[in-house]
Amino acid sequence: MRTELVTSLKRQATSILADLHDNKEPILITEHGRPSAYLVDVQDFEHMAARMALLEGIAKGQADFASGNISTQSEAKQRINKWLK
């Protein structure tokens, strides 16, 4: 992963963004020698956000199952039919 200083980003933003779009490799931005932010391509960010939402949904389902918050198939069908109307 490439690392850039925040001052480099300020001075060379157009060049750094062009490289980001070409390489699709995230860039770690440092400030005062410490990690400050990641610069990622828009498509990559949207893909990561969609994956995170899916994983959060799976985790919620697992937590519901573990706590006994479950429905039978017929109960689930009834609920879905109410939504579809």
PDB file of N, CA and C in Angstrom:
ATOM      1  N   MET A   1       0.853  -1.171   0.000  1.00  0.00           N
ATOM      2  CA  MET A   1       0.000   0.000   0.000  1.00  0.00           C
ATOM      3  C   MET A   1       0.901   1.236   0.000  1.00  0.00           C
ATOM      4  N   ARG A   2       0.504   2.162  -0.773  1.00  0.00           N
ATOM      5  CA  ARG A   2       1.251   3.416  -0.893  1.00  0.00           C
ATOM      6  C   ARG A   2       0.920   4.347   0.272  1.00  0.00           C
ATOM      7  N   THR A   3       1.900   5.110   0.720  1.00  0.00           N
ATOM      8  CA  THR A   3       1.712   6.078   1.791  1.00  0.00           C
ATOM      9  C   THR A   3       2.109   7.460   1.289  1.00  0.00           C
ATOM     10  N   GLU A   4       1.317   8.448   1.619  1.00  0.00           N
ATOM     11  CA  GLU A   4       1.604   9.834   1.239  1.00  0.00           C
ATOM     12  C   GLU A   4       1.426  10.734   2.449  1.00  0.00           C
ATOM     13  N   LEU A   5       2.233  11.769   2.514  1.00  0.00           N
ATOM     14  CA  LEU A   5       2.070  12.790   3.536  1.00  0.00           C
ATOM     15  C   LEU A   5       0.882  13.672   3.185  1.00  0.00           C
ATOM     16  N   VAL A   6       0.223  14.203   4.180  1.00  0.00           N
ATOM     17  CA  VAL A   6      -0.906  15.089   3.927  1.00  0.00           C
ATOM     18  C   VAL A   6      -0.457  16.320   3.142  1.00  0.00           C
ATOM     19  N   THR A   7       0.772  16.772   3.373  1.00  0.00           N
ATOM     20  CA  THR A   7       1.277  17.930   2.612  1.00  0.00           C
ATOM     21  C   THR A   7       1.462  17.580   1.141  1.00  0.00           C
ATOM     22  N   SER A   8       1.860  16.336   0.854  1.00  0.00           N
ATOM     23  CA  SER A   8       1.965  15.897  -0.541  1.00  0.00           C
ATOM     24  C   SER A   8       0.595  15.871  -1.193  1.00  0.00           C
ATOM     25  N   LEU A   9      -0.397  15.430  -0.438  1.00  0.00           N
ATOM     26  CA  LEU A   9      -1.763  15.399  -0.967  1.00  0.00           C
ATOM     27  C   LEU A   9      -2.231  16.816  -1.303  1.00  0.00           C
ATOM     28  N   LYS A  10      -1.919  17.752  -0.435  1.00  0.00           N
ATOM     29  CA  LYS A  10      -2.309  19.142  -0.684  1.00  0.00           C
ATOM     30  C   LYS A  10      -1.644  19.692  -1.944  1.00  0.00           C
ATOM     31  N   ARG A  11      -0.370  19.371  -2.125  1.00  0.00           N
ATOM     32  CA  ARG A  11       0.396  19.926  -3.246  1.00  0.00           C
ATOM     33  C   ARG A  11       0.160  19.190  -4.564  1.00  0.00           C
ATOM     34  N   GLN A  12      -0.084  17.888  -4.486  1.00  0.00           N
ATOM     35  CA  GLN A  12      -0.150  17.063  -5.696  1.00  0.00           C
ATOM     36  C   GLN A  12      -1.456  16.286  -5.792  1.00  0.00           C
ATOM     37  N   ALA A  13      -2.543  16.877  -5.363  1.00  0.00           N
ATOM     38  CA  ALA A  13      -3.827  16.160  -5.308  1.00  0.00           C
ATOM     39  C   ALA A  13      -4.217  15.591  -6.662  1.00  0.00           C
ATOM     40  N   THR A  14      -4.091  16.362  -7.725  1.00  0.00           N
ATOM     41  CA  THR A  14      -4.503  15.893  -9.045  1.00  0.00           C
ATOM     42  C   THR A  14      -3.703  14.674  -9.468  1.00  0.00           C
ATOM     43  N   SER A  15      -2.401  14.705  -9.256  1.00  0.00           N
ATOM     44  CA  SER A  15      -1.537  13.589  -9.633  1.00  0.00           C
ATOM     45  C   SER A  15      -1.831  12.356  -8.787  1.00  0.00           C
ATOM     46  N   ILE A  16      -1.994  12.555  -7.492  1.00  0.00           N
ATOM     47  CA  ILE A  16      -2.269  11.429  -6.592  1.00  0.00           C
ATOM     48  C   ILE A  16      -3.609  10.797  -6.928  1.00  0.00           C
ATOM     49  N   LEU A  17      -4.620  11.614  -7.199  1.00  0.00           N
ATOM     50  CA  LEU A  17      -5.931  11.069  -7.580  1.00  0.00           C
ATOM     51  C   LEU A  17      -5.861  10.328  -8.907  1.00  0.00           C
ATOM     52  N   ALA A  18      -5.095  10.835  -9.854  1.00  0.00           N
ATOM     53  CA  ALA A  18      -4.944  10.145 -11.145  1.00  0.00           C
ATOM     54  C   ALA A  18      -4.318   8.771 -10.938  1.00  0.00           C
ATOM     55  N   ASP A  19      -3.279   8.707 -10.094  1.00  0.00           N
ATOM     56  CA  ASP A  19      -2.657   7.419  -9.788  1.00  0.00           C
ATOM     57  C   ASP A  19      -3.636   6.473  -9.093  1.00  0.00           C
ATOM     58  N   LEU A  20      -4.427   7.026  -8.202  1.00  0.00           N
ATOM     59  CA  LEU A  20      -5.420   6.222  -7.490  1.00  0.00           C
ATOM     60  C   LEU A  20      -6.415   5.606  -8.462  1.00  0.00           C
ATOM     61  N   HIS A  21      -6.891   6.396  -9.406  1.00  0.00           N
ATOM     62  CA  HIS A  21      -7.862   5.884 -10.382  1.00  0.00           C
ATOM     63  C   HIS A  21      -7.231   4.846 -11.310  1.00  0.00           C
ATOM     64  N   ASP A  22      -5.954   5.027 -11.634  1.00  0.00           N
ATOM     65  CA  ASP A  22      -5.267   4.082 -12.519  1.00  0.00           C
ATOM     66  C   ASP A  22      -4.947   2.773 -11.804  1.00  0.00           C
ATOM     67  N   ASN A  23      -4.407   2.863 -10.600  1.00  0.00           N
ATOM     68  CA  ASN A  23      -3.919   1.680  -9.887  1.00  0.00           C
ATOM     69  C   ASN A  23      -4.965   1.007  -9.012  1.00  0.00           C
ATOM     70  N   LYS A  24      -5.984   1.748  -8.598  1.00  0.00           N
ATOM     71  CA  LYS A  24      -7.035   1.222  -7.714  1.00  0.00           C
ATOM     72  C   LYS A  24      -6.480   0.770  -6.364  1.00  0.00           C
ATOM     73  N   GLU A  25      -5.270   1.197  -6.019  1.00  0.00           N
ATOM     74  CA  GLU A  25      -4.656   0.803  -4.754  1.00  0.00           C
ATOM     75  C   GLU A  25      -4.897   1.902  -3.716  1.00  0.00           C
ATOM     76  N   PRO A  26      -5.451   1.565  -2.554  1.00  0.00           N
ATOM     77  CA  PRO A  26      -5.682   2.577  -1.518  1.00  0.00           C
ATOM     78  C   PRO A  26      -4.380   3.272  -1.122  1.00  0.00           C
ATOM     79  N   ILE A  27      -4.501   4.514  -0.711  1.00  0.00           N
ATOM     80  CA  ILE A  27      -3.351   5.303  -0.288  1.00  0.00           C
ATOM     81  C   ILE A  27      -3.564   5.709   1.161  1.00  0.00           C
ATOM     82  N   LEU A  28      -2.571   5.435   1.995  1.00  0.00           N
ATOM     83  CA  LEU A  28      -2.613   5.831   3.395  1.00  0.00           C
ATOM     84  C   LEU A  28      -2.063   7.251   3.495  1.00  0.00           C
ATOM     85  N   ILE A  29      -2.851   8.147   4.055  1.00  0.00           N
ATOM     86  CA  ILE A  29      -2.435   9.534   4.245  1.00  0.00           C
ATOM     87  C   ILE A  29      -1.961   9.674   5.686  1.00  0.00           C
ATOM     88  N   THR A  30      -0.736  10.195   5.856  1.00  0.00           N
ATOM     89  CA  THR A  30      -0.201  10.382   7.197  1.00  0.00           C
ATOM     90  C   THR A  30      -0.112  11.872   7.515  1.00  0.00           C
ATOM     91  N   GLU A  31      -0.264  12.152   8.788  1.00  0.00           N
ATOM     92  CA  GLU A  31      -0.183  13.523   9.286  1.00  0.00           C
ATOM     93  C   GLU A  31       0.683  13.500  10.538  1.00  0.00           C
ATOM     94  N   HIS A  32       1.753  14.259  10.522  1.00  0.00           N
ATOM     95  CA  HIS A  32       2.715  14.284  11.627  1.00  0.00           C
ATOM     96  C   HIS A  32       3.260  12.876  11.915  1.00  0.00           C
ATOM     97  N   GLY A  33       3.478  12.110  10.852  1.00  0.00           N
ATOM     98  CA  GLY A  33       4.047  10.780  10.985  1.00  0.00           C
ATOM     99  C   GLY A  33       3.091   9.690  11.427  1.00  0.00           C
ATOM    100  N   ARG A  34       1.819  10.035  11.568  1.00  0.00           N
ATOM    101  CA  ARG A  34       0.825   9.046  12.023  1.00  0.00           C
ATOM    102  C   ARG A  34      -0.262   8.854  10.964  1.00  0.00           C
ATOM    103  N   PRO A  35      -0.792   7.642  10.876  1.00  0.00           N
ATOM    104  CA  PRO A  35      -1.888   7.423   9.928  1.00  0.00           C
ATOM    105  C   PRO A  35      -3.063   8.344  10.239  1.00  0.00           C
ATOM    106  N   SER A  36      -3.621   8.949   9.194  1.00  0.00           N
ATOM    107  CA  SER A  36      -4.719   9.894   9.383  1.00  0.00           C
ATOM    108  C   SER A  36      -5.970   9.488   8.607  1.00  0.00           C
ATOM    109  N   ALA A  37      -5.770   8.956   7.392  1.00  0.00           N
ATOM    110  CA  ALA A  37      -6.925   8.595   6.569  1.00  0.00           C
ATOM    111  C   ALA A  37      -6.471   7.673   5.444  1.00  0.00           C
ATOM    112  N   TYR A  38      -7.449   6.987   4.865  1.00  0.00           N
ATOM    113  CA  TYR A  38      -7.201   6.211   3.659  1.00  0.00           C
ATOM    114  C   TYR A  38      -7.907   6.899   2.509  1.00  0.00           C
ATOM    115  N   LEU A  39      -7.256   6.936   1.392  1.00  0.00           N
ATOM    116  CA  LEU A  39      -7.843   7.470   0.170  1.00  0.00           C
ATOM    117  C   LEU A  39      -8.118   6.276  -0.734  1.00  0.00           C
ATOM    118  N   VAL A  40      -9.398   6.051  -1.047  1.00  0.00           N
ATOM    119  CA  VAL A  40      -9.768   4.893  -1.868  1.00  0.00           C
ATOM    120  C   VAL A  40     -10.620   5.345  -3.046  1.00  0.00           C
ATOM    121  N   ASP A  41     -10.597   4.560  -4.095  1.00  0.00           N
ATOM    122  CA  ASP A  41     -11.398   4.810  -5.281  1.00  0.00           C
ATOM    123  C   ASP A  41     -12.884   4.699  -4.933  1.00  0.00           C
ATOM    124  N   VAL A  42     -13.713   5.489  -5.572  1.00  0.00           N
ATOM    125  CA  VAL A  42     -15.147   5.512  -5.276  1.00  0.00           C
ATOM    126  C   VAL A  42     -15.776   4.136  -5.467  1.00  0.00           C
ATOM    127  N   GLN A  43     -15.481   3.469  -6.565  1.00  0.00           N
ATOM    128  CA  GLN A  43     -16.078   2.147  -6.810  1.00  0.00           C
ATOM    129  C   GLN A  43     -15.653   1.147  -5.742  1.00  0.00           C
ATOM    130  N   ASP A  44     -14.396   1.202  -5.339  1.00  0.00           N
ATOM    131  CA  ASP A  44     -13.917   0.296  -4.292  1.00  0.00           C
ATOM    132  C   ASP A  44     -14.622   0.585  -2.969  1.00  0.00           C
ATOM    133  N   PHE A  45     -14.794   1.865  -2.647  1.00  0.00           N
ATOM    134  CA  PHE A  45     -15.478   2.225  -1.409  1.00  0.00           C
ATOM    135  C   PHE A  45     -16.920   1.735  -1.423  1.00  0.00           C
ATOM    136  N   GLU A  46     -17.631   1.946  -2.540  1.00  0.00           N
ATOM    137  CA  GLU A  46     -19.021   1.504  -2.636  1.00  0.00           C
ATOM    138  C   GLU A  46     -19.123  -0.008  -2.527  1.00  0.00           C
ATOM    139  N   HIS A  47     -18.172  -0.720  -3.110  1.00  0.00           N
ATOM    140  CA  HIS A  47     -18.158  -2.182  -3.008  1.00  0.00           C
ATOM    141  C   HIS A  47     -17.942  -2.612  -1.556  1.00  0.00           C
ATOM    142  N   MET A  48     -17.002  -1.970  -0.867  1.00  0.00           N
ATOM    143  CA  MET A  48     -16.750  -2.296   0.541  1.00  0.00           C
ATOM    144  C   MET A  48     -17.971  -1.974   1.401  1.00  0.00           C
ATOM    145  N   ALA A  49     -18.645  -0.866   1.126  1.00  0.00           N
ATOM    146  CA  ALA A  49     -19.828  -0.496   1.904  1.00  0.00           C
ATOM    147  C   ALA A  49     -20.949  -1.517   1.703  1.00  0.00           C
ATOM    148  N   ALA A  50     -21.124  -1.987   0.466  1.00  0.00           N
ATOM    149  CA  ALA A  50     -22.159  -2.992   0.193  1.00  0.00           C
ATOM    150  C   ALA A  50     -21.837  -4.301   0.909  1.00  0.00           C
ATOM    151  N   ARG A  51     -20.573  -4.700   0.895  1.00  0.00           N
ATOM    152  CA  ARG A  51     -20.169  -5.926   1.590  1.00  0.00           C
ATOM    153  C   ARG A  51     -20.383  -5.788   3.093  1.00  0.00           C
ATOM    154  N   MET A  52     -20.068  -4.614   3.635  1.00  0.00           N
ATOM    155  CA  MET A  52     -20.239  -4.388   5.069  1.00  0.00           C
ATOM    156  C   MET A  52     -21.716  -4.478   5.447  1.00  0.00           C
ATOM    157  N   ALA A  53     -22.586  -3.896   4.628  1.00  0.00           N
ATOM    158  CA  ALA A  53     -24.024  -3.964   4.912  1.00  0.00           C
ATOM    159  C   ALA A  53     -24.505  -5.416   4.898  1.00  0.00           C
ATOM    160  N   LEU A  54     -24.031  -6.199   3.948  1.00  0.00           N
ATOM    161  CA  LEU A  54     -24.405  -7.611   3.873  1.00  0.00           C
ATOM    162  C   LEU A  54     -23.908  -8.365   5.109  1.00  0.00           C
ATOM    163  N   LEU A  55     -22.668  -8.136   5.493  1.00  0.00           N
ATOM    164  CA  LEU A  55     -22.116  -8.814   6.669  1.00  0.00           C
ATOM    165  C   LEU A  55     -22.843  -8.405   7.949  1.00  0.00           C
ATOM    166  N   GLU A  56     -23.241  -7.132   8.050  1.00  0.00           N
ATOM    167  CA  GLU A  56     -24.000  -6.694   9.224  1.00  0.00           C
ATOM    168  C   GLU A  56     -25.361  -7.379   9.273  1.00  0.00           C
ATOM    169  N   GLY A  57     -25.992  -7.576   8.113  1.00  0.00           N
ATOM    170  CA  GLY A  57     -27.264  -8.290   8.059  1.00  0.00           C
ATOM    171  C   GLY A  57     -27.116  -9.737   8.494  1.00  0.00           C
ATOM    172  N   ILE A  58     -26.045 -10.374   8.048  1.00  0.00           N
ATOM    173  CA  ILE A  58     -25.783 -11.765   8.448  1.00  0.00           C
ATOM    174  C   ILE A  58     -25.547 -11.839   9.956  1.00  0.00           C
ATOM    175  N   ALA A  59     -24.756 -10.909  10.495  1.00  0.00           N
ATOM    176  CA  ALA A  59     -24.476 -10.899  11.933  1.00  0.00           C
ATOM    177  C   ALA A  59     -25.757 -10.689  12.734  1.00  0.00           C
ATOM    178  N   LYS A  60     -26.642  -9.812  12.253  1.00  0.00           N
ATOM    179  CA  LYS A  60     -27.916  -9.591  12.940  1.00  0.00           C
ATOM    180  C   LYS A  60     -28.756 -10.871  12.926  1.00  0.00           C
ATOM    181  N   GLY A  61     -28.789 -11.561  11.805  1.00  0.00           N
ATOM    182  CA  GLY A  61     -29.526 -12.821  11.717  1.00  0.00           C
ATOM    183  C   GLY A  61     -28.971 -13.876  12.656  1.00  0.00           C
ATOM    184  N   GLN A  62     -27.660 -13.944  12.743  1.00  0.00           N
ATOM    185  CA  GLN A  62     -27.042 -14.907  13.658  1.00  0.00           C
ATOM    186  C   GLN A  62     -27.369 -14.561  15.111  1.00  0.00           C
ATOM    187  N   ALA A  63     -27.365 -13.275  15.445  1.00  0.00           N
ATOM    188  CA  ALA A  63     -27.682 -12.862  16.811  1.00  0.00           C
ATOM    189  C   ALA A  63     -29.144 -13.171  17.134  1.00  0.00           C
ATOM    190  N   ASP A  64     -30.046 -12.921  16.188  1.00  0.00           N
ATOM    191  CA  ASP A  64     -31.459 -13.245  16.398  1.00  0.00           C
ATOM    192  C   ASP A  64     -31.640 -14.745  16.616  1.00  0.00           C
ATOM    193  N   PHE A  65     -30.964 -15.539  15.805  1.00  0.00           N
ATOM    194  CA  PHE A  65     -31.066 -16.991  15.943  1.00  0.00           C
ATOM    195  C   PHE A  65     -30.545 -17.439  17.301  1.00  0.00           C
ATOM    196  N   ALA A  66     -29.410 -16.889  17.699  1.00  0.00           N
ATOM    197  CA  ALA A  66     -28.807 -17.280  18.984  1.00  0.00           C
ATOM    198  C   ALA A  66     -29.692 -16.897  20.168  1.00  0.00           C
ATOM    199  N   SER A  67     -30.452 -15.807  20.036  1.00  0.00           N
ATOM    200  CA  SER A  67     -31.319 -15.372  21.137  1.00  0.00           C
ATOM    201  C   SER A  67     -32.706 -16.006  21.065  1.00  0.00           C
ATOM    202  N   GLY A  68     -32.928 -16.846  20.059  1.00  0.00           N
ATOM    203  CA  GLY A  68     -34.213 -17.527  19.939  1.00  0.00           C
ATOM    204  C   GLY A  68     -35.279 -16.713  19.245  1.00  0.00           C
ATOM    205  N   ASN A  69     -34.917 -15.602  18.653  1.00  0.00           N
ATOM    206  CA  ASN A  69     -35.861 -14.749  17.936  1.00  0.00           C
ATOM    207  C   ASN A  69     -36.017 -15.284  16.512  1.00  0.00           C
ATOM    208  N   ILE A  70     -36.774 -16.360  16.382  1.00  0.00           N
ATOM    209  CA  ILE A  70     -36.937 -17.032  15.093  1.00  0.00           C
ATOM    210  C   ILE A  70     -38.417 -17.232  14.798  1.00  0.00           C
ATOM    211  N   SER A  71     -38.726 -17.521  13.546  1.00  0.00           N
ATOM    212  CA  SER A  71     -40.108 -17.759  13.108  1.00  0.00           C
ATOM    213  C   SER A  71     -40.173 -19.064  12.325  1.00  0.00           C
ATOM    214  N   THR A  72     -41.351 -19.660  12.314  1.00  0.00           N
ATOM    215  CA  THR A  72     -41.553 -20.829  11.461  1.00  0.00           C
ATOM    216  C   THR A  72     -41.696 -20.346  10.031  1.00  0.00           C
ATOM    217  N   GLN A  73     -41.652 -21.290   9.104  1.00  0.00           N
ATOM    218  CA  GLN A  73     -41.785 -20.933   7.704  1.00  0.00           C
ATOM    219  C   GLN A  73     -43.159 -20.312   7.439  1.00  0.00           C
ATOM    220  N   SER A  74     -44.209 -20.856   8.014  1.00  0.00           N
ATOM    221  CA  SER A  74     -45.547 -20.312   7.772  1.00  0.00           C
ATOM    222  C   SER A  74     -45.686 -18.914   8.368  1.00  0.00           C
ATOM    223  N   GLU A  75     -45.095 -18.659   9.537  1.00  0.00           N
ATOM    224  CA  GLU A  75     -45.124 -17.319  10.121  1.00  0.00           C
ATOM    225  C   GLU A  75     -44.372 -16.319   9.234  1.00  0.00           C
ATOM    226  N   ALA A  76     -43.245 -16.753   8.718  1.00  0.00           N
ATOM    227  CA  ALA A  76     -42.462 -15.886   7.844  1.00  0.00           C
ATOM    228  C   ALA A  76     -43.227 -15.580   6.564  1.00  0.00           C
ATOM    229  N   LYS A  77     -43.905 -16.597   6.016  1.00  0.00           N
ATOM    230  CA  LYS A  77     -44.710 -16.391   4.799  1.00  0.00           C
ATOM    231  C   LYS A  77     -45.815 -15.369   5.042  1.00  0.00           C
ATOM    232  N   GLN A  78     -46.472 -15.467   6.176  1.00  0.00           N
ATOM    233  CA  GLN A  78     -47.543 -14.518   6.506  1.00  0.00           C
ATOM    234  C   GLN A  78     -47.001 -13.096   6.591  1.00  0.00           C
ATOM    235  N   ARG A  79     -45.856 -12.920   7.220  1.00  0.00           N
ATOM    236  CA  ARG A  79     -45.257 -11.588   7.333  1.00  0.00           C
ATOM    237  C   ARG A  79     -44.873 -11.040   5.963  1.00  0.00           C
ATOM    238  N   ILE A  80     -44.296 -11.884   5.124  1.00  0.00           N
ATOM    239  CA  ILE A  80     -43.884 -11.446   3.788  1.00  0.00           C
ATOM    240  C   ILE A  80     -45.109 -11.067   2.957  1.00  0.00           C
ATOM    241  N   ASN A  81     -46.177 -11.872   3.064  1.00  0.00           N
ATOM    242  CA  ASN A  81     -47.387 -11.564   2.306  1.00  0.00           C
ATOM    243  C   ASN A  81     -47.975 -10.221   2.721  1.00  0.00           C
ATOM    244  N   LYS A  82     -47.877  -9.863   3.989  1.00  0.00           N
ATOM    245  CA  LYS A  82     -48.357  -8.548   4.443  1.00  0.00           C
ATOM    246  C   LYS A  82     -47.544  -7.432   3.815  1.00  0.00           C
ATOM    247  N   TRP A  83     -46.237  -7.628   3.673  1.00  0.00           N
ATOM    248  CA  TRP A  83     -45.375  -6.615   3.076  1.00  0.00           C
ATOM    249  C   TRP A  83     -45.655  -6.450   1.582  1.00  0.00           C
ATOM    250  N   LEU A  84     -45.994  -7.541   0.930  1.00  0.00           N
ATOM    251  CA  LEU A  84     -46.185  -7.513  -0.520  1.00  0.00           C
ATOM    252  C   LEU A  84     -47.518  -6.900  -0.944  1.00  0.00           C
ATOM    253  N   LYS A  85     -48.431  -6.768   0.007  1.00  0.00           N
ATOM    254  CA  LYS A  85     -49.743  -6.220  -0.336  1.00  0.00           C
ATOM    255  C   LYS A  85     -49.724  -4.736  -0.432  1.00  0.00           C
TER     256      LYS A  85
END
